[in-house]
Amino acid sequence: MKTHEQSTDTAAAPAPGNPAAVSPAAAVAAATAAAGAGEDGAITVTTEGLPAWLDPVARAAQTIEPDQLSRFLPPESGAGRQSAVLVLFGEGERGPELLLMERSGSLRSHAGQPSFPGGSLDPEDGDQATTGPLRAALREAQEETGLDPRGVQLFGVLPRLYIPVSGFVVTPVLGWWRSPSPVGVVDPGETARVFTVPVADLTDPANRATAVHPSGHRGPAFLVESALVWGFTAGVIDRILHFAGWERPWDRAKQVPLDWRA
């Protein structure tokens, strides 16, 4: 994602009620209603035809509350730059997998850091409360990875989260890669590589650790595909694994130190 990363905190401490934190059920209902009415063009969110292994994720997306994902929720004032990421599940040679990308090592911030495809909402994406995040997630994924959005079925939306260090309000949009298309680096100046990670590797306790930032922030991390996945991206993956019932016991005392540049 071009625009943000990283808080390393996850749902360690529930936050107080926040009117800016929209429940996933409400977000999906609003987006589906808007699409059905022709608002912002045709775009839908549906669980119809999903593979059975994705059912736990789809169910979790319908019930999970914002403070179960993170203690950093959108400001009640409505401040923050709206953005979205595409959490895209596919099926590869080793079974279920997730699509990730790695930021270019030449960037001034978060160089070499893995993330979901995504970025800021543009005016043409439409209403930020309904279909805007859906369109932004698909558009950014296409711009960053060359993904053909026509092969993606959106099946859920997680609550909006906040990244204090950058001021971004991020909507994770869940997708099923129904018809896979070739992906790769589109702009080497922003992206070093595009890759998939088997869910089996993400759930393997040997690949899990706690990332520790010099500031004191701690959060889940994954050592997969020659990459250290941490921060916002790792936090979302961690919560999905947990609420889908895929999480396996892992050693939280195993630490990976980060430096101030992270």
Protein backbone atom coordinates (compact mmCIF):
# COMPACT_ATOMS: atom_id res chain seq x y z
CA MET A 1 0.00 0.00 0.00
CA LYS A 2 1.41 3.37 -1.01
CA THR A 3 0.00 5.50 1.70
CA HIS A 4 0.54 4.02 5.10
CA GLU A 5 1.75 1.44 7.61
CA GLN A 6 2.42 1.09 10.49
CA SER A 7 1.05 0.63 13.92
CA THR A 8 2.14 -2.61 15.51
CA ASP A 9 -0.69 -2.70 18.05
CA THR A 10 -3.64 -5.05 17.57
CA ALA A 11 -6.72 -5.68 19.65
CA ALA A 12 -4.88 -5.66 22.96
CA ALA A 13 -7.16 -3.07 24.55
CA PRO A 14 -10.77 -2.42 23.48
CA ALA A 15 -11.50 1.20 22.66
CA PRO A 16 -14.56 3.13 23.87
CA GLY A 17 -17.59 3.47 21.63
CA ASN A 18 -16.78 5.42 18.51
CA PRO A 19 -19.44 6.62 16.07
CA ALA A 20 -16.79 6.84 13.35
CA ALA A 21 -16.20 3.09 13.60
CA VAL A 22 -18.75 1.51 11.26
CA SER A 23 -19.65 -2.14 11.78
CA PRO A 24 -18.87 -4.47 8.85
CA ALA A 25 -22.50 -5.56 8.56
CA ALA A 26 -23.60 -1.94 8.20
CA ALA A 27 -20.85 -1.20 5.68
CA VAL A 28 -21.73 -4.20 3.52
CA ALA A 29 -25.44 -3.43 3.73
CA ALA A 30 -24.84 0.15 2.67
CA ALA A 31 -22.53 -0.84 -0.18
CA THR A 32 -24.88 -3.53 -1.46
CA ALA A 33 -27.87 -1.19 -1.27
CA ALA A 34 -25.96 1.54 -3.10
CA ALA A 35 -24.89 -0.89 -5.81
CA GLY A 36 -28.40 -2.22 -6.18
CA ALA A 37 -29.73 1.29 -6.59
CA GLY A 38 -27.13 2.07 -9.24
CA GLU A 39 -25.18 4.46 -7.02
CA ASP A 40 -21.54 4.86 -8.06
CA GLY A 41 -22.06 2.23 -10.77
CA ALA A 42 -22.37 -1.53 -10.45
CA ILE A 43 -20.30 -3.15 -7.73
CA THR A 44 -21.47 -5.88 -5.40
CA VAL A 45 -20.50 -7.68 -2.22
CA THR A 46 -21.69 -11.28 -2.09
CA THR A 47 -20.77 -14.57 -0.44
CA GLU A 48 -22.55 -16.62 -3.09
CA GLY A 49 -20.32 -19.26 -4.67
CA LEU A 50 -17.40 -18.90 -2.25
CA PRO A 51 -15.29 -22.03 -1.63
CA ALA A 52 -16.22 -23.74 1.62
CA TRP A 53 -12.84 -22.98 3.22
CA LEU A 54 -13.63 -19.24 3.07
CA ASP A 55 -16.91 -19.60 4.96
CA PRO A 56 -15.28 -18.97 8.38
CA VAL A 57 -13.77 -15.71 7.10
CA ALA A 58 -17.08 -14.59 5.58
CA ARG A 59 -18.92 -15.35 8.82
CA ALA A 60 -16.35 -13.52 10.92
CA ALA A 61 -16.56 -10.47 8.65
CA GLN A 62 -20.28 -10.19 9.34
CA THR A 63 -19.95 -10.11 13.12
CA ILE A 64 -16.54 -8.77 14.10
CA GLU A 65 -16.56 -5.44 15.92
CA PRO A 66 -14.01 -2.64 15.38
CA ASP A 67 -12.43 -2.95 18.83
CA GLN A 68 -11.90 -6.67 18.24
CA LEU A 69 -9.54 -5.77 15.39
CA SER A 70 -7.54 -2.91 16.87
CA ARG A 71 -7.45 -0.37 19.66
CA PHE A 72 -6.77 2.30 17.05
CA LEU A 73 -10.15 3.36 15.65
CA PRO A 74 -11.07 6.32 13.41
CA PRO A 75 -11.27 9.67 15.23
CA GLU A 76 -14.77 10.60 16.35
CA SER A 77 -14.22 13.97 14.69
CA GLY A 78 -14.18 12.27 11.29
CA ALA A 79 -10.59 13.35 10.70
CA GLY A 80 -8.24 11.14 8.74
CA ARG A 81 -7.54 10.39 5.12
CA GLN A 82 -9.83 7.65 3.79
CA SER A 83 -8.13 4.64 2.19
CA ALA A 84 -8.74 0.96 1.53
CA VAL A 85 -6.77 -2.25 1.12
CA LEU A 86 -7.68 -5.43 -0.73
CA VAL A 87 -7.31 -8.56 1.40
CA LEU A 88 -7.36 -11.01 -1.49
CA PHE A 89 -7.65 -14.75 -0.94
CA GLY A 90 -6.77 -17.14 -3.74
CA GLU A 91 -6.07 -20.81 -4.15
CA GLY A 92 -2.60 -21.85 -5.24
CA GLU A 93 -0.56 -25.03 -5.51
CA ARG A 94 -0.39 -25.27 -1.71
CA GLY A 95 -4.01 -24.39 -1.09
CA PRO A 96 -5.47 -21.11 0.22
CA GLU A 97 -3.20 -18.09 -0.06
CA LEU A 98 -3.08 -14.30 0.33
CA LEU A 99 -1.80 -11.70 -2.13
CA LEU A 100 0.82 -9.28 -0.76
CA MET A 101 3.28 -6.79 -2.19
CA GLU A 102 6.60 -5.43 -0.96
CA ARG A 103 7.38 -1.72 -1.06
CA SER A 104 10.42 -0.56 -2.98
CA GLY A 105 13.65 -0.35 -0.99
CA SER A 106 14.26 3.15 -2.38
CA LEU A 107 11.21 4.71 -0.73
CA ARG A 108 11.80 7.22 2.05
CA SER A 109 9.27 5.59 4.37
CA HIS A 110 8.58 1.92 5.09
CA ALA A 111 11.06 0.79 2.44
CA GLY A 112 10.94 -2.94 1.77
CA GLN A 113 7.86 -3.45 3.90
CA PRO A 114 5.19 -5.99 2.83
CA SER A 115 1.58 -4.84 2.68
CA PHE A 116 -1.79 -5.47 1.11
CA PRO A 117 -2.43 -3.71 -2.19
CA GLY A 118 -4.33 -0.49 -1.53
CA GLY A 119 -4.26 3.25 -1.19
CA SER A 120 -6.23 6.45 -0.77
CA LEU A 121 -9.75 6.96 -2.04
CA ASP A 122 -10.01 9.17 -5.11
CA PRO A 123 -13.07 11.32 -5.84
CA GLU A 124 -14.08 9.01 -8.70
CA ASP A 125 -14.25 6.07 -6.27
CA GLY A 126 -17.51 7.45 -4.92
CA ASP A 127 -19.08 7.66 -1.48
CA GLN A 128 -16.60 6.78 1.26
CA ALA A 129 -19.46 5.37 3.37
CA THR A 130 -20.67 2.89 0.75
CA THR A 131 -18.93 1.77 -2.42
CA GLY A 132 -15.95 4.13 -2.31
CA PRO A 133 -13.64 1.80 -0.36
CA LEU A 134 -14.62 -1.16 -2.56
CA ARG A 135 -13.71 0.70 -5.72
CA ALA A 136 -10.52 2.09 -4.23
CA ALA A 137 -9.31 -1.33 -3.10
CA LEU A 138 -9.84 -2.83 -6.55
CA ARG A 139 -8.44 0.18 -8.40
CA GLU A 140 -5.29 0.37 -6.29
CA ALA A 141 -4.72 -3.38 -6.55
CA GLN A 142 -4.91 -3.10 -10.33
CA GLU A 143 -2.55 -0.10 -10.39
CA GLU A 144 0.00 -1.71 -8.08
CA THR A 145 -0.05 -5.37 -9.17
CA GLY A 146 -1.67 -5.47 -12.61
CA LEU A 147 -4.52 -7.52 -11.15
CA ASP A 148 -7.63 -7.86 -13.34
CA PRO A 149 -10.44 -6.73 -10.99
CA ARG A 150 -13.02 -8.58 -13.10
CA GLY A 151 -11.71 -11.83 -11.60
CA VAL A 152 -12.24 -10.69 -8.00
CA GLN A 153 -15.41 -11.37 -6.01
CA LEU A 154 -15.80 -9.04 -3.04
CA PHE A 155 -17.39 -10.91 -0.16
CA GLY A 156 -16.94 -8.77 2.93
CA VAL A 157 -15.76 -5.54 4.51
CA LEU A 158 -14.00 -5.28 7.87
CA PRO A 159 -14.44 -2.27 10.18
CA ARG A 160 -12.49 0.85 9.38
CA LEU A 161 -9.24 1.15 11.33
CA TYR A 162 -6.90 4.03 12.06
CA ILE A 163 -3.14 4.35 11.63
CA PRO A 164 -2.07 7.19 13.98
CA VAL A 165 1.43 7.63 12.56
CA SER A 166 0.07 8.53 9.12
CA GLY A 167 -3.48 9.65 9.89
CA PHE A 168 -5.06 7.17 7.49
CA VAL A 169 -8.47 5.62 8.04
CA VAL A 170 -8.27 2.21 6.37
CA THR A 171 -11.10 -0.07 5.23
CA PRO A 172 -9.97 -3.70 4.69
CA VAL A 173 -12.02 -5.14 1.80
CA LEU A 174 -12.17 -8.93 1.54
CA GLY A 175 -11.95 -10.57 -1.86
CA TRP A 176 -11.97 -14.05 -3.43
CA TRP A 177 -9.71 -14.43 -6.47
CA ARG A 178 -12.34 -16.32 -8.41
CA SER A 179 -10.54 -16.02 -11.75
CA PRO A 180 -6.80 -15.48 -11.16
CA SER A 181 -4.92 -13.17 -13.51
CA PRO A 182 -1.19 -12.52 -13.91
CA VAL A 183 0.24 -10.08 -11.35
CA GLY A 184 3.61 -8.43 -10.93
CA VAL A 185 5.41 -5.15 -10.32
CA VAL A 186 3.82 -2.27 -12.23
CA ASP A 187 5.94 0.61 -10.91
CA PRO A 188 9.43 -0.46 -9.66
CA GLY A 189 9.77 2.92 -7.99
CA GLU A 190 7.01 1.98 -5.55
CA THR A 191 6.89 -1.80 -5.51
CA ALA A 192 9.76 -4.29 -5.25
CA ARG A 193 7.74 -7.45 -5.76
CA VAL A 194 4.26 -8.95 -5.72
CA PHE A 195 3.84 -12.37 -4.13
CA THR A 196 1.39 -14.80 -2.56
CA VAL A 197 1.69 -16.44 0.85
CA PRO A 198 0.04 -19.79 1.61
CA VAL A 199 -2.33 -19.55 4.56
CA ALA A 200 -0.65 -22.71 5.85
CA ASP A 201 2.59 -20.73 6.23
CA LEU A 202 0.79 -17.90 8.03
CA THR A 203 -0.72 -20.32 10.54
CA ASP A 204 2.53 -22.25 11.06
CA PRO A 205 3.73 -21.40 14.60
CA ALA A 206 7.35 -21.56 13.39
CA ASN A 207 6.67 -18.53 11.17
CA ARG A 208 5.12 -16.36 13.86
CA ALA A 209 6.69 -13.83 16.22
CA THR A 210 6.11 -10.57 18.07
CA ALA A 211 7.54 -7.46 16.40
CA VAL A 212 8.99 -4.97 18.88
CA HIS A 213 9.55 -1.35 17.83
CA PRO A 214 12.04 0.86 19.72
CA SER A 215 9.10 3.09 20.65
CA GLY A 216 7.68 0.23 22.68
CA HIS A 217 4.92 -0.78 20.28
CA ARG A 218 4.47 -4.53 19.98
CA GLY A 219 2.41 -6.57 17.56
CA PRO A 220 2.18 -9.81 15.61
CA ALA A 221 4.63 -10.59 12.83
CA PHE A 222 5.02 -13.29 10.19
CA LEU A 223 8.30 -14.51 8.69
CA VAL A 224 7.18 -15.82 5.31
CA GLU A 225 8.40 -15.81 1.71
CA SER A 226 11.73 -14.20 2.72
CA ALA A 227 9.83 -11.28 4.21
CA LEU A 228 8.93 -9.92 7.63
CA VAL A 229 5.26 -8.99 7.62
CA TRP A 230 4.41 -6.70 10.55
CA GLY A 231 2.43 -3.61 11.50
CA PHE A 232 -1.05 -2.94 10.13
CA THR A 233 -0.88 -5.77 7.58
CA ALA A 234 0.21 -8.37 10.13
CA GLY A 235 -2.39 -7.13 12.60
CA VAL A 236 -5.22 -7.64 10.13
CA ILE A 237 -3.93 -11.08 9.12
CA ASP A 238 -3.57 -12.05 12.79
CA ARG A 239 -7.17 -11.09 13.57
CA ILE A 240 -8.54 -12.86 10.49
CA LEU A 241 -6.73 -16.06 11.44
CA HIS A 242 -8.03 -15.78 14.99
CA PHE A 243 -11.68 -15.09 14.23
CA ALA A 244 -11.80 -17.60 11.36
CA GLY A 245 -10.61 -20.29 13.78
CA TRP A 246 -7.42 -20.90 11.81
CA GLU A 247 -4.97 -19.69 14.45
CA ARG A 248 -2.64 -22.25 15.99
CA PRO A 249 -0.87 -21.75 19.33
CA TRP A 250 2.40 -19.88 18.83
CA ASP A 251 5.21 -18.53 20.98
CA ARG A 252 4.41 -14.87 21.68
CA ALA A 253 7.68 -14.55 23.59
CA LYS A 254 9.59 -14.99 20.31
CA GLN A 255 10.57 -11.45 19.37
CA VAL A 256 11.74 -9.71 16.20
CA PRO A 257 13.29 -6.29 16.89
CA LEU A 258 12.58 -3.39 14.52
CA ASP A 259 14.65 -0.26 14.11
CA TRP A 260 13.61 3.41 14.16
CA ARG A 261 13.41 3.52 10.38
CA ALA A 262 10.54 1.04 10.40
